[in-house]
Amino acid sequence: MKNKKNPQVSIVIRTKNEEKYIKHCLEKIKKQKFKDFEIIIVDNLSTDLTVKKASQFTKKIIKIKNFTPGKAINDGIKISKGNIIVVLSAHCIPTSNTWLTNLIDCLKDQKIAGVYGRQEPMKYTSAIDKRDLLTIFGLDKKIQVKDTFFHNANSAFRKEIWKKIPFDENVTNIEDRIWGEKVISAGLKIIYEPSASVYHFHGVHQNLNIKRAKSVVKILESLENFKKKDNFINYKNLKILALIPVKGKSISFGGKPLIEKTLKIIKKSKLITDIVVSTDDKNTAKIAKLNGAKIPFMRPSYLSKLNTKLLDVLSFSIKSLEKKNFYYDLVVVLVDSYPFRSEDLVDKMILKLLEEGSDTLIAAIKESRGIWLTDDDKVNLINNPSMPRHLKKNHAYITLFGLCCVTHPSVLRNKNIFDKNYSIYKVNDILSSIDINSFKKSNNIEKTLKKIKLN
C-alpha cells in the first residue's frame, strides 16, 4: 500500500456475516506484489466477527442498512481514492500474489470498460457449484464486444467509467450483468482474464437456488438483449385436439345431456382444431356428431368396465386416431361432467403450457381446509385446519384432471402423465370445479345445482 493518501486502486469488499472467509481474503490481498491499493469494507450489519476481523486490515469500513448489491458498491466507491476500482466478494480468495496485477493490467486500454477474473471452486464446494464454476470460467482469455456477461465477485473497472455508468441500486440481483449490458451498449468492451483467479465458495447459480434463479431471470428478461423472443411459435399452425371420453350415456342435467354443454364451450375456443368424443354409446355418439364432434371409432367394451382407468381409455383413443393418420401437436382432455367450466379456460391453459414448456398442465383448485391422508390404519394430517386460511404459507391443491388437462400425444400414448414434466393451472372459480358425477346420488344437491342455468 504505497500511497495511502492517493492509492491507484481501491478494493471494495461487500460483507454480510463473512467471519469464516474475510481474514483469508484480506491476508491474500495483503500479499499481492502490486501494493498501491486501499481496502474498503461495505458491511450489511453483520452479526458475527466480520467487522472486527476486517478492522485489523483497514480502517475504511462503512455500514449500510438498506442493502442492495449495487448500492453497496456505489457507496464504497463514493469514499474511494483510487482511479481503478476492484470489486471482490468477501468469500473470494486470490489464488496467487499476482492476482491484482493481472486483473487491472487490461484497463490500460481505454476501450475496455471492465475486467472480470476466473473463479475456481474450493475443495468442499458443492458438486453443482463446482460444475458451474469450472464450465463458466475457462482458461482462455476473452474480449467481449457483444457478450454482456460481467461478474463482479472478482472484477475491476476505471472510476471514470463508473461515474458515467454507476451500478443499479434498485435490483436485488445481477447488478453486474445490467452494468455489463450498459457498457457494451455504449460501445465499450469487457475482458475475461483467467490469470486473475480467485477461489470462490459458491457457484454463479448459488447451488441452484430456485427463488434466486427466478429473480435473476425476471431481471434479465427486462433487459433489451435478453427479452423473450419466443414468437416463433405459430399458434395458428398447431393441430390441437379436444378429446372427450364418455362412458355410456351422457348424464342429463338441467334438461340437457352434459356432452352438449361441454361441446358448446369447446367450440368457443380459438385454438382447438378438432373435437373427438371417445364413447361406447351410440346415442352419445349421435348427440356428439350433431354438436360438431367427430366419432372416428367406438370405444370397445373392455374399456368400459367399472375398474377401467381413464389413462387406458385416453391411450387407446390416441393410438386409434394415429392409426387413421390423425396426428396432433397437443391434446386437451375434458370430461363432460363439469358443466360450469369457464369458456376461456381451455385457451388459457393451452397458452400457459406453450409458454412454460411443460409436458402436461392440469387444472387444480386451492384447498385451505384441513386434509388428512389415510394409509392403512394411519391418518396423516397434511394441511393443518387450525390455522386461519389467510395466514397459511403452504396450501394444498386438488387436481381436476377432468375439468381440463393439456398435454402432448406421446404422454397419453405412453400413459406417463405423472412421470414427466407436469404442472398445475390454478383455477380460482370454485363453481367451475363442480363435478356432477360427485353428486349423482344426492338429490338435494342436484336440485340446488339445477337452479343454475346451463345454457
Protein backbone atom coordinates (compact mmCIF):
# COMPACT_ATOMS: atom_id res chain seq x y z
CA MET A 1 0.00 0.00 0.00
CA LYS A 2 2.49 2.62 -1.25
CA ASN A 3 0.38 5.73 -1.37
CA LYS A 4 -2.25 5.66 1.35
CA LYS A 5 -3.50 9.17 0.56
CA ASN A 6 -3.98 8.65 -3.17
CA PRO A 7 -3.73 4.94 -3.99
CA GLN A 8 -4.02 3.84 -7.59
CA VAL A 9 -6.51 1.06 -6.75
CA SER A 10 -9.46 0.93 -4.35
CA ILE A 11 -10.64 -2.60 -3.47
CA VAL A 12 -14.31 -2.62 -2.43
CA ILE A 13 -15.43 -5.69 -0.50
CA ARG A 14 -19.09 -6.24 0.43
CA THR A 15 -19.69 -8.26 3.57
CA LYS A 16 -22.53 -9.88 5.49
CA ASN A 17 -21.51 -12.37 8.19
CA GLU A 18 -18.32 -13.41 6.38
CA GLU A 19 -16.34 -14.25 9.52
CA LYS A 20 -15.32 -17.60 8.03
CA TYR A 21 -13.59 -16.12 4.97
CA ILE A 22 -12.80 -12.45 5.50
CA LYS A 23 -9.41 -12.95 7.17
CA HIS A 24 -8.21 -15.37 4.46
CA CYS A 25 -9.39 -12.96 1.77
CA LEU A 26 -7.64 -9.92 3.25
CA GLU A 27 -4.42 -11.79 4.02
CA LYS A 28 -4.17 -12.83 0.37
CA ILE A 29 -4.74 -9.25 -0.74
CA LYS A 30 -2.02 -8.02 1.61
CA LYS A 31 0.47 -10.43 -0.01
CA GLN A 32 -0.07 -9.07 -3.53
CA LYS A 33 3.02 -7.88 -5.43
CA PHE A 34 1.12 -4.78 -6.51
CA LYS A 35 0.96 -2.70 -3.34
CA ASP A 36 -0.62 0.63 -4.34
CA PHE A 37 -4.14 -0.01 -3.08
CA GLU A 38 -6.61 0.69 -0.32
CA ILE A 39 -9.28 -1.64 1.08
CA ILE A 40 -12.86 -0.51 1.68
CA ILE A 41 -15.32 -2.74 3.54
CA VAL A 42 -19.04 -2.19 2.96
CA ASP A 43 -20.82 -4.20 5.62
CA ASN A 44 -24.51 -5.09 5.70
CA LEU A 45 -24.91 -5.13 9.51
CA SER A 46 -23.01 -8.34 10.17
CA THR A 47 -23.82 -10.01 13.50
CA ASP A 48 -20.63 -12.08 13.70
CA LEU A 49 -16.95 -11.06 13.90
CA THR A 50 -16.63 -9.96 10.26
CA VAL A 51 -16.11 -6.27 11.01
CA LYS A 52 -13.78 -6.92 13.91
CA LYS A 53 -11.54 -9.15 11.81
CA ALA A 54 -11.63 -6.76 8.85
CA SER A 55 -10.62 -3.82 11.07
CA GLN A 56 -7.22 -5.47 11.53
CA PHE A 57 -6.52 -4.77 7.84
CA THR A 58 -8.35 -1.50 7.10
CA LYS A 59 -9.98 1.43 8.82
CA LYS A 60 -12.24 2.21 5.88
CA ILE A 61 -15.36 0.37 6.98
CA ILE A 62 -18.86 1.64 6.29
CA LYS A 63 -22.14 0.06 7.27
CA ILE A 64 -25.36 0.08 5.27
CA LYS A 65 -28.79 -0.99 6.44
CA ASN A 66 -30.92 -0.91 3.29
CA PHE A 67 -28.74 -3.26 1.29
CA THR A 68 -28.80 -3.89 -2.43
CA PRO A 69 -25.65 -5.17 -4.16
CA GLY A 70 -25.47 -2.15 -6.48
CA LYS A 71 -25.87 0.35 -3.65
CA ALA A 72 -23.14 -1.38 -1.62
CA ILE A 73 -20.66 -1.00 -4.49
CA ASN A 74 -21.66 2.59 -5.21
CA ASP A 75 -21.38 3.59 -1.55
CA GLY A 76 -17.93 2.02 -1.32
CA ILE A 77 -16.72 3.81 -4.45
CA LYS A 78 -18.01 7.17 -3.17
CA ILE A 79 -15.40 7.15 -0.37
CA SER A 80 -12.64 5.67 -2.54
CA LYS A 81 -9.42 7.45 -3.58
CA GLY A 82 -8.23 5.21 -6.41
CA ASN A 83 -8.80 5.73 -10.12
CA ILE A 84 -9.22 1.99 -10.56
CA ILE A 85 -11.94 0.14 -8.67
CA VAL A 86 -11.70 -3.54 -7.81
CA VAL A 87 -14.81 -5.30 -6.52
CA LEU A 88 -14.25 -8.55 -4.67
CA SER A 89 -16.63 -10.79 -2.75
CA ALA A 90 -15.57 -11.42 0.84
CA HIS A 91 -15.62 -15.18 0.27
CA CYS A 92 -13.35 -14.92 -2.78
CA ILE A 93 -9.70 -15.63 -2.04
CA PRO A 94 -6.99 -14.73 -4.59
CA THR A 95 -5.09 -17.81 -5.75
CA SER A 96 -1.75 -16.04 -6.29
CA ASN A 97 0.17 -12.89 -5.38
CA THR A 98 -0.12 -11.62 -8.99
CA TRP A 99 -3.94 -11.69 -8.94
CA LEU A 100 -4.31 -7.91 -8.64
CA THR A 101 -1.64 -7.14 -11.26
CA ASN A 102 -3.26 -9.47 -13.78
CA LEU A 103 -6.73 -8.10 -13.07
CA ILE A 104 -6.00 -4.40 -13.59
CA ASP A 105 -3.40 -4.68 -16.36
CA CYS A 106 -6.04 -4.82 -19.13
CA LEU A 107 -7.52 -1.47 -18.08
CA LYS A 108 -4.66 0.40 -19.77
CA ASP A 109 -6.76 0.14 -22.95
CA GLN A 110 -9.32 2.97 -22.81
CA LYS A 111 -11.82 0.92 -24.81
CA ILE A 112 -12.02 -1.65 -22.02
CA ALA A 113 -14.82 -0.84 -19.57
CA GLY A 114 -14.22 -3.66 -17.14
CA VAL A 115 -12.36 -6.88 -16.43
CA TYR A 116 -13.54 -9.94 -14.54
CA GLY A 117 -11.33 -12.80 -13.45
CA ARG A 118 -11.54 -16.53 -13.11
CA GLN A 119 -13.37 -18.19 -10.20
CA GLU A 120 -12.22 -21.61 -9.07
CA PRO A 121 -14.15 -23.86 -6.67
CA MET A 122 -12.88 -24.71 -3.23
CA LYS A 123 -12.33 -28.31 -2.23
CA TYR A 124 -15.61 -28.51 -0.32
CA THR A 125 -17.73 -26.51 -2.80
CA SER A 126 -20.85 -28.49 -3.75
CA ALA A 127 -20.74 -30.57 -6.93
CA ILE A 128 -23.36 -28.36 -8.60
CA ASP A 129 -21.44 -25.17 -7.85
CA LYS A 130 -18.16 -26.79 -8.91
CA ARG A 131 -19.71 -27.66 -12.23
CA ASP A 132 -20.89 -24.05 -12.68
CA LEU A 133 -17.51 -22.51 -11.88
CA LEU A 134 -15.45 -24.95 -13.93
CA THR A 135 -17.63 -24.64 -17.03
CA ILE A 136 -18.30 -20.88 -16.95
CA PHE A 137 -14.81 -19.64 -16.04
CA GLY A 138 -12.47 -21.28 -18.53
CA LEU A 139 -8.77 -20.96 -19.28
CA ASP A 140 -8.94 -18.81 -22.43
CA LYS A 141 -8.86 -15.03 -22.25
CA LYS A 142 -11.86 -13.38 -23.93
CA ILE A 143 -12.54 -9.93 -25.32
CA GLN A 144 -16.29 -9.36 -25.25
CA VAL A 145 -17.66 -7.00 -27.87
CA LYS A 146 -21.29 -8.19 -27.89
CA ASP A 147 -21.41 -10.53 -24.91
CA THR A 148 -22.62 -8.52 -21.89
CA PHE A 149 -21.69 -11.08 -19.22
CA PHE A 150 -19.78 -9.48 -16.34
CA HIS A 151 -19.30 -10.93 -12.87
CA ASN A 152 -18.19 -8.55 -10.14
CA ALA A 153 -17.35 -11.12 -7.48
CA ASN A 154 -13.84 -10.69 -8.92
CA SER A 155 -13.67 -7.64 -11.14
CA ALA A 156 -12.10 -4.26 -11.93
CA PHE A 157 -13.03 -1.11 -13.83
CA ARG A 158 -11.94 2.52 -14.10
CA LYS A 159 -13.68 5.02 -11.85
CA GLU A 160 -14.28 7.35 -14.77
CA ILE A 161 -16.48 4.67 -16.38
CA TRP A 162 -18.38 4.19 -13.12
CA LYS A 163 -19.09 7.93 -12.90
CA LYS A 164 -20.90 7.69 -16.23
CA ILE A 165 -22.45 4.27 -15.58
CA PRO A 166 -22.91 3.51 -11.87
CA PHE A 167 -24.47 0.27 -10.65
CA ASP A 168 -28.23 -0.07 -10.47
CA GLU A 169 -29.27 0.31 -6.83
CA ASN A 170 -32.83 -0.94 -7.25
CA VAL A 171 -32.27 -4.54 -8.36
CA THR A 172 -31.72 -7.34 -5.87
CA ASN A 173 -29.51 -9.47 -8.17
CA ILE A 174 -27.24 -9.35 -11.23
CA GLU A 175 -26.39 -5.67 -10.96
CA ASP A 176 -23.15 -6.68 -12.67
CA ARG A 177 -24.98 -8.15 -15.70
CA ILE A 178 -27.04 -4.96 -16.02
CA TRP A 179 -23.86 -2.87 -15.85
CA GLY A 180 -22.29 -5.13 -18.47
CA GLU A 181 -25.17 -4.53 -20.87
CA LYS A 182 -24.92 -0.77 -20.41
CA VAL A 183 -21.18 -0.55 -21.10
CA ILE A 184 -21.40 -2.83 -24.14
CA SER A 185 -24.31 -0.74 -25.46
CA ALA A 186 -22.05 2.31 -25.04
CA GLY A 187 -19.55 0.76 -27.47
CA LEU A 188 -17.05 -0.37 -24.84
CA LYS A 189 -15.59 -3.83 -24.29
CA ILE A 190 -15.32 -6.30 -21.42
CA ILE A 191 -12.41 -8.68 -20.84
CA TYR A 192 -12.40 -12.04 -19.13
CA GLU A 193 -8.91 -12.56 -17.65
CA PRO A 194 -8.35 -16.16 -16.42
CA SER A 195 -4.93 -15.35 -14.92
CA ALA A 196 -6.65 -13.13 -12.32
CA SER A 197 -8.08 -16.07 -10.43
CA VAL A 198 -9.76 -16.46 -7.05
CA TYR A 199 -11.17 -19.37 -5.05
CA HIS A 200 -14.93 -18.95 -4.66
CA PHE A 201 -17.05 -20.98 -2.25
CA HIS A 202 -20.34 -20.98 -4.16
CA GLY A 203 -21.14 -21.00 -7.85
CA VAL A 204 -22.76 -18.44 -10.10
CA HIS A 205 -26.15 -20.08 -9.65
CA GLN A 206 -25.98 -20.30 -5.85
CA ASN A 207 -26.31 -24.11 -5.70
CA LEU A 208 -29.46 -23.98 -7.85
CA ASN A 209 -31.39 -21.70 -5.52
CA ILE A 210 -34.74 -21.62 -7.37
CA LYS A 211 -36.02 -18.44 -5.73
CA ARG A 212 -32.84 -16.60 -6.67
CA ALA A 213 -32.94 -18.07 -10.18
CA LYS A 214 -36.47 -16.76 -10.77
CA SER A 215 -35.43 -13.33 -9.56
CA VAL A 216 -32.38 -13.34 -11.86
CA VAL A 217 -34.42 -14.40 -14.89
CA LYS A 218 -37.06 -11.75 -14.22
CA ILE A 219 -34.39 -9.05 -14.18
CA LEU A 220 -32.57 -10.42 -17.22
CA GLU A 221 -35.73 -10.58 -19.29
CA SER A 222 -36.36 -6.91 -18.58
CA LEU A 223 -33.10 -6.06 -20.40
CA GLU A 224 -33.12 -5.41 -24.14
CA ASN A 225 -30.61 -8.14 -25.02
CA PHE A 226 -32.46 -10.78 -23.02
CA LYS A 227 -36.10 -10.02 -23.77
CA LYS A 228 -38.08 -13.13 -24.60
CA LYS A 229 -38.32 -13.67 -28.34
CA ASP A 230 -40.45 -16.80 -28.40
CA ASN A 231 -42.85 -15.58 -31.08
CA PHE A 232 -41.51 -18.38 -33.30
CA ILE A 233 -44.44 -20.46 -32.01
CA ASN A 234 -47.20 -20.02 -34.58
CA TYR A 235 -50.30 -20.98 -32.64
CA LYS A 236 -52.39 -20.98 -35.79
CA ASN A 237 -50.32 -23.80 -37.28
CA LEU A 238 -50.69 -26.12 -34.29
CA LYS A 239 -53.12 -29.01 -34.53
CA ILE A 240 -54.80 -29.22 -31.15
CA LEU A 241 -57.30 -31.92 -30.29
CA ALA A 242 -60.07 -31.70 -27.70
CA LEU A 243 -60.61 -35.29 -26.55
CA ILE A 244 -63.73 -36.07 -24.51
CA PRO A 245 -64.07 -39.56 -23.01
CA VAL A 246 -67.67 -40.55 -22.23
CA LYS A 247 -68.60 -43.96 -20.83
CA GLY A 248 -72.17 -44.96 -21.61
CA LYS A 249 -74.97 -42.43 -21.93
CA SER A 250 -74.04 -38.82 -21.24
CA ILE A 251 -75.61 -37.59 -17.99
CA SER A 252 -78.68 -35.42 -18.39
CA PHE A 253 -78.54 -32.41 -16.16
CA GLY A 254 -80.72 -29.31 -16.28
CA GLY A 255 -82.73 -30.96 -19.04
CA LYS A 256 -79.75 -31.38 -21.38
CA PRO A 257 -77.05 -34.04 -21.92
CA LEU A 258 -73.84 -32.69 -20.40
CA ILE A 259 -71.94 -33.57 -23.57
CA GLU A 260 -73.86 -30.77 -25.31
CA LYS A 261 -72.74 -28.19 -22.75
CA THR A 262 -69.13 -29.36 -22.97
CA LEU A 263 -69.09 -29.21 -26.77
CA LYS A 264 -70.70 -25.78 -26.74
CA ILE A 265 -67.87 -24.44 -24.58
CA ILE A 266 -65.10 -26.13 -26.58
CA LYS A 267 -66.37 -24.72 -29.87
CA LYS A 268 -65.74 -21.23 -28.49
CA SER A 269 -62.02 -21.98 -28.31
CA LYS A 270 -59.85 -20.13 -30.81
CA LEU A 271 -57.09 -22.74 -30.62
CA ILE A 272 -58.83 -26.14 -30.78
CA THR A 273 -58.73 -27.55 -34.31
CA ASP A 274 -60.52 -30.91 -33.80
CA ILE A 275 -63.02 -32.34 -31.34
CA VAL A 276 -63.25 -36.10 -30.81
CA VAL A 277 -65.61 -37.89 -28.43
CA SER A 278 -64.40 -41.32 -27.33
CA THR A 279 -67.57 -43.23 -26.36
CA ASP A 280 -69.10 -46.70 -26.33
CA ASP A 281 -72.68 -45.43 -26.54
CA LYS A 282 -74.43 -44.91 -29.88
CA ASN A 283 -76.82 -42.30 -28.51
CA THR A 284 -73.93 -40.28 -27.03
CA ALA A 285 -72.09 -40.58 -30.34
CA LYS A 286 -75.15 -39.28 -32.20
CA ILE A 287 -75.50 -36.24 -29.91
CA ALA A 288 -71.77 -35.55 -30.23
CA LYS A 289 -71.93 -35.59 -34.04
CA LEU A 290 -74.95 -33.27 -34.06
CA ASN A 291 -72.92 -30.84 -31.93
CA GLY A 292 -69.85 -30.76 -34.16
CA ALA A 293 -67.65 -33.54 -32.73
CA LYS A 294 -66.03 -36.39 -34.63
CA ILE A 295 -66.52 -40.08 -33.80
CA PRO A 296 -63.72 -41.83 -35.74
CA PHE A 297 -64.09 -45.00 -33.63
CA MET A 298 -66.27 -46.53 -30.92
CA ARG A 299 -64.78 -47.33 -27.56
CA PRO A 300 -64.56 -51.12 -27.01
CA SER A 301 -66.48 -52.77 -24.18
CA TYR A 302 -63.31 -53.89 -22.36
CA LEU A 303 -62.54 -50.20 -21.78
CA SER A 304 -65.95 -49.52 -20.25
CA LYS A 305 -65.75 -51.63 -17.11
CA LEU A 306 -66.04 -50.22 -13.60
CA ASN A 307 -62.31 -50.65 -12.94
CA THR A 308 -61.18 -49.17 -16.26
CA LYS A 309 -58.56 -46.45 -15.85
CA LEU A 310 -59.05 -43.18 -17.67
CA LEU A 311 -55.46 -43.20 -18.93
CA ASP A 312 -56.10 -46.55 -20.62
CA VAL A 313 -59.04 -45.01 -22.47
CA LEU A 314 -57.04 -41.94 -23.49
CA SER A 315 -54.08 -44.04 -24.64
CA PHE A 316 -56.38 -46.24 -26.73
CA SER A 317 -58.03 -43.16 -28.23
CA ILE A 318 -54.76 -41.52 -29.29
CA LYS A 319 -53.43 -44.74 -30.80
CA SER A 320 -56.70 -45.29 -32.67
CA LEU A 321 -56.57 -41.79 -34.11
CA GLU A 322 -52.94 -42.18 -35.15
CA LYS A 323 -53.75 -45.46 -36.91
CA LYS A 324 -56.18 -43.42 -39.00
CA ASN A 325 -53.43 -40.83 -39.68
CA PHE A 326 -54.84 -38.21 -37.32
CA TYR A 327 -51.79 -36.58 -35.71
CA TYR A 328 -51.85 -33.72 -33.23
CA ASP A 329 -49.39 -31.34 -31.57
CA LEU A 330 -51.37 -31.09 -28.34
CA VAL A 331 -54.32 -32.84 -26.73
CA VAL A 332 -56.82 -31.21 -24.38
CA VAL A 333 -58.68 -33.75 -22.23
CA LEU A 334 -62.09 -32.72 -20.90
CA VAL A 335 -64.69 -34.79 -19.08
CA ASP A 336 -68.33 -33.83 -19.73
CA SER A 337 -69.34 -33.80 -16.05
CA TYR A 338 -68.05 -30.24 -15.46
CA PRO A 339 -70.90 -28.07 -16.80
CA PHE A 340 -69.70 -24.84 -15.16
CA ARG A 341 -66.30 -24.83 -16.89
CA SER A 342 -65.40 -21.24 -17.85
CA GLU A 343 -65.39 -20.52 -21.57
CA ASP A 344 -61.83 -19.19 -21.71
CA LEU A 345 -60.23 -21.92 -19.56
CA VAL A 346 -59.13 -24.17 -22.44
CA ASP A 347 -57.32 -21.46 -24.41
CA LYS A 348 -55.70 -20.00 -21.30
CA MET A 349 -54.32 -23.39 -20.34
CA ILE A 350 -53.06 -24.12 -23.85
CA LEU A 351 -51.18 -20.82 -23.97
CA LYS A 352 -49.74 -21.32 -20.49
CA LEU A 353 -48.42 -24.78 -21.38
CA LEU A 354 -46.78 -23.42 -24.52
CA GLU A 355 -45.29 -20.51 -22.59
CA GLU A 356 -43.81 -22.55 -19.73
CA GLY A 357 -42.84 -25.63 -21.73
CA SER A 358 -44.47 -28.25 -19.51
CA ASP A 359 -45.31 -31.67 -20.90
CA THR A 360 -48.64 -31.58 -19.09
CA LEU A 361 -50.74 -28.86 -17.45
CA ILE A 362 -53.60 -29.91 -15.16
CA ALA A 363 -56.34 -27.70 -13.73
CA ALA A 364 -56.31 -27.53 -9.93
CA ILE A 365 -58.09 -25.64 -7.17
CA LYS A 366 -56.63 -24.47 -3.86
CA GLU A 367 -57.84 -26.21 -0.72
CA SER A 368 -57.07 -24.40 2.53
CA ARG A 369 -59.18 -26.57 4.80
CA GLY A 370 -57.75 -29.48 6.74
CA ILE A 371 -56.78 -32.53 4.69
CA TRP A 372 -55.98 -35.95 6.12
CA LEU A 373 -54.36 -38.75 4.15
CA THR A 374 -55.11 -42.33 5.23
CA ASP A 375 -52.54 -45.08 4.90
CA ASP A 376 -53.96 -48.41 6.10
CA ASP A 377 -54.93 -47.63 9.70
CA LYS A 378 -52.88 -44.43 9.94
CA VAL A 379 -54.33 -40.98 9.40
CA ASN A 380 -51.79 -38.28 8.49
CA LEU A 381 -52.58 -34.58 8.57
CA ILE A 382 -51.14 -32.82 5.51
CA ASN A 383 -52.94 -29.48 5.75
CA ASN A 384 -53.45 -28.01 9.22
CA PRO A 385 -57.07 -26.84 9.73
CA SER A 386 -56.37 -24.92 12.96
CA MET A 387 -54.52 -22.03 11.34
CA PRO A 388 -56.58 -19.25 9.69
CA ARG A 389 -56.53 -19.70 5.91
CA HIS A 390 -55.19 -16.22 5.19
CA LEU A 391 -52.12 -16.90 7.38
CA LYS A 392 -51.13 -20.18 5.74
CA LYS A 393 -47.97 -20.10 3.66
CA ASN A 394 -48.46 -23.60 2.24
CA HIS A 395 -51.64 -24.75 0.56
CA ALA A 396 -52.90 -28.00 -0.87
CA TYR A 397 -54.15 -28.12 -4.45
CA ILE A 398 -56.77 -30.58 -5.66
CA THR A 399 -56.15 -31.62 -9.26
CA LEU A 400 -59.17 -31.52 -11.55
CA PHE A 401 -57.99 -33.71 -14.41
CA GLY A 402 -61.47 -33.91 -15.93
CA LEU A 403 -62.02 -30.15 -15.82
CA CYS A 404 -59.11 -29.62 -18.18
CA CYS A 405 -55.76 -31.23 -18.89
CA VAL A 406 -53.47 -30.06 -21.69
CA THR A 407 -50.74 -32.46 -22.70
CA HIS A 408 -48.83 -34.00 -25.60
CA PRO A 409 -49.97 -37.08 -27.54
CA SER A 410 -46.85 -39.03 -26.51
CA VAL A 411 -47.71 -38.55 -22.83
CA LEU A 412 -51.17 -40.07 -23.29
CA ARG A 413 -49.89 -42.73 -25.63
CA ASN A 414 -47.40 -43.92 -23.02
CA LYS A 415 -49.70 -43.24 -20.03
CA ASN A 416 -46.95 -41.41 -18.12
CA ILE A 417 -48.59 -38.09 -17.21
CA PHE A 418 -47.17 -38.05 -13.69
CA ASP A 419 -43.74 -39.33 -14.71
CA LYS A 420 -42.98 -36.37 -16.95
CA ASN A 421 -42.67 -32.61 -16.51
CA TYR A 422 -46.13 -31.60 -15.31
CA SER A 423 -47.50 -28.52 -13.60
CA ILE A 424 -50.83 -27.20 -12.36
CA TYR A 425 -53.06 -24.39 -13.56
CA LYS A 426 -54.67 -22.67 -10.57
CA VAL A 427 -58.41 -22.29 -11.04
CA ASN A 428 -59.96 -19.53 -8.91
CA ASP A 429 -63.58 -20.13 -9.90
CA ILE A 430 -64.98 -22.59 -7.34
CA LEU A 431 -68.14 -23.13 -9.37
CA SER A 432 -66.18 -24.43 -12.35
CA SER A 433 -64.68 -27.15 -10.17
CA ILE A 434 -68.04 -28.83 -9.55
CA ASP A 435 -68.10 -32.37 -10.92
CA ILE A 436 -71.70 -33.56 -11.41
CA ASN A 437 -70.56 -37.16 -11.11
CA SER A 438 -69.80 -36.47 -7.46
CA PHE A 439 -73.43 -35.52 -6.79
CA LYS A 440 -75.39 -38.03 -8.86
CA LYS A 441 -76.74 -39.82 -5.77
CA SER A 442 -77.52 -36.65 -3.82
CA ASN A 443 -80.95 -35.35 -4.83
CA ASN A 444 -80.78 -32.25 -2.64
CA ILE A 445 -77.52 -31.00 -4.14
CA GLU A 446 -78.73 -31.85 -7.61
CA LYS A 447 -81.91 -29.84 -7.15
CA THR A 448 -79.86 -26.89 -5.96
CA LEU A 449 -77.47 -27.06 -8.88
CA LYS A 450 -80.30 -27.38 -11.39
CA LYS A 451 -81.36 -23.86 -10.45
CA ILE A 452 -78.18 -22.64 -12.12
CA LYS A 453 -78.77 -22.08 -15.83
CA LEU A 454 -76.70 -24.34 -18.06
CA ASN A 455 -77.20 -22.55 -21.37
